[in-house]
Amino acid sequence: SWAAKAEKGVSLTGARKFIVPPADLLPVMDAKNLRTMVNLTGGHGDGLREAIAKYDKAHPGRFLTFTEPMWARTQEPGYAKAQALELEQAHKDGARGIKILKTLGLY
């Protein structure tokens, strides 16, 4: 998945675009003997929850989704606290890790 709206590689929203549905991925994975696929760019908030529901929960063990920080909100007051709470919620929602994209250093 990738951000539905981004600027210079920074996600501006939690909404996601999905490249291929699980029904199309699973036969290819099986044919290539690929047991599990990791989505490093699962986003955050509602988009993350949608990714986890469509892939991880619908096909246990076949997909693992990571969350990403909310970089677009870094200048907002209370960002650190909000980000910490978002990471905690992402874990509760089923995120299996966190991905720090290279865009952090590029922009």
Protein backbone atom coordinates (compact mmCIF):
# COMPACT_ATOMS: atom_id res chain seq x y z
CA SER A 1 0.00 0.00 0.00
CA TRP A 2 1.01 3.62 -0.25
CA ALA A 3 -0.37 6.96 0.91
CA ALA A 4 -3.46 8.17 -0.92
CA LYS A 5 -2.00 11.69 -0.70
CA ALA A 6 1.68 12.53 -0.21
CA GLU A 7 4.15 15.31 -0.82
CA LYS A 8 7.88 14.63 -1.32
CA GLY A 9 7.40 11.13 0.01
CA VAL A 10 5.65 12.28 3.19
CA SER A 11 2.16 10.90 3.75
CA LEU A 12 -0.35 13.71 4.23
CA THR A 13 -3.20 11.41 5.21
CA GLY A 14 -3.81 8.06 6.81
CA ALA A 15 -5.81 6.91 3.76
CA ARG A 16 -4.13 4.22 1.66
CA LYS A 17 -4.08 3.03 -1.94
CA PHE A 18 -3.74 -0.70 -2.39
CA ILE A 19 -1.71 -2.02 -5.32
CA VAL A 20 -3.13 -5.55 -5.53
CA PRO A 21 -5.93 -7.23 -3.56
CA PRO A 22 -5.08 -10.34 -1.52
CA ALA A 23 -7.08 -12.57 -3.88
CA ASP A 24 -4.62 -11.71 -6.66
CA LEU A 25 -1.51 -11.89 -4.46
CA LEU A 26 -2.12 -15.23 -2.77
CA PRO A 27 -1.94 -17.44 -5.91
CA VAL A 28 1.34 -15.78 -6.94
CA MET A 29 2.73 -16.15 -3.43
CA ASP A 30 1.77 -19.83 -3.42
CA ALA A 31 3.28 -20.42 -6.86
CA LYS A 32 6.56 -18.86 -5.70
CA ASN A 33 6.49 -20.67 -2.34
CA LEU A 34 6.30 -17.35 -0.50
CA ARG A 35 4.64 -17.95 2.85
CA THR A 36 4.40 -14.39 4.23
CA MET A 37 4.56 -10.90 2.73
CA VAL A 38 5.39 -7.81 4.82
CA ASN A 39 3.79 -4.45 4.02
CA LEU A 40 6.27 -1.94 5.42
CA THR A 41 4.18 1.06 4.36
CA GLY A 42 0.88 0.35 6.08
CA GLY A 43 0.37 3.97 7.11
CA HIS A 44 -1.41 5.00 10.28
CA GLY A 45 -4.90 5.55 11.63
CA ASP A 46 -7.85 4.40 9.55
CA GLY A 47 -5.64 3.49 6.59
CA LEU A 48 -3.55 1.18 8.75
CA ARG A 49 -6.66 -0.44 10.21
CA GLU A 50 -8.02 -0.96 6.67
CA ALA A 51 -4.77 -2.58 5.52
CA ILE A 52 -4.68 -4.89 8.53
CA ALA A 53 -8.33 -5.88 8.03
CA LYS A 54 -7.96 -6.54 4.27
CA TYR A 55 -4.72 -8.47 4.48
CA ASP A 56 -3.53 -9.56 7.93
CA LYS A 57 -6.83 -10.42 9.58
CA ALA A 58 -8.47 -11.81 6.44
CA HIS A 59 -5.47 -14.08 5.75
CA PRO A 60 -3.70 -14.82 9.07
CA GLY A 61 -0.01 -15.59 8.76
CA ARG A 62 0.17 -14.58 5.10
CA PHE A 63 0.54 -10.81 5.54
CA LEU A 64 2.17 -8.60 8.19
CA THR A 65 1.63 -4.84 8.18
CA PHE A 66 3.88 -2.17 9.67
CA THR A 67 2.85 1.34 10.69
CA GLU A 68 4.54 4.63 9.83
CA PRO A 69 4.94 7.83 11.86
CA MET A 70 2.64 10.76 11.12
CA TRP A 71 5.39 12.98 9.66
CA ALA A 72 2.95 15.55 8.26
CA ARG A 73 1.94 16.47 11.83
CA THR A 74 5.41 17.08 13.31
CA GLN A 75 4.88 20.84 13.56
CA GLU A 76 1.61 20.54 15.47
CA PRO A 77 1.61 21.27 19.21
CA GLY A 78 1.68 18.04 21.20
CA TYR A 79 2.99 15.99 18.27
CA ALA A 80 5.28 13.78 20.38
CA LYS A 81 2.44 12.73 22.69
CA ALA A 82 0.03 12.23 19.78
CA GLN A 83 2.60 10.12 17.93
CA ALA A 84 3.28 7.99 20.99
CA LEU A 85 -0.45 7.36 21.41
CA GLU A 86 -0.79 6.57 17.69
CA LEU A 87 2.01 3.99 17.89
CA GLU A 88 0.39 2.40 20.92
CA GLN A 89 -2.95 2.24 19.06
CA ALA A 90 -1.28 0.85 15.93
CA HIS A 91 0.15 -1.99 18.02
CA LYS A 92 -3.31 -2.69 19.50
CA ASP A 93 -4.79 -2.63 16.00
CA GLY A 94 -2.35 -5.30 14.86
CA ALA A 95 0.66 -3.49 13.38
CA ARG A 96 3.69 -5.77 13.59
CA GLY A 97 6.39 -3.10 13.48
CA ILE A 98 7.24 0.47 12.55
CA LYS A 99 8.90 1.64 9.35
CA ILE A 100 10.96 4.84 9.28
CA LEU A 101 11.09 5.74 5.60
CA LYS A 102 14.22 7.21 4.06
CA THR A 103 12.22 10.33 3.22
CA LEU A 104 12.87 11.44 6.79
CA GLY A 105 16.48 12.15 5.82
CA LEU A 106 15.78 13.26 2.26
CA TYR A 107 13.37 16.09 3.03
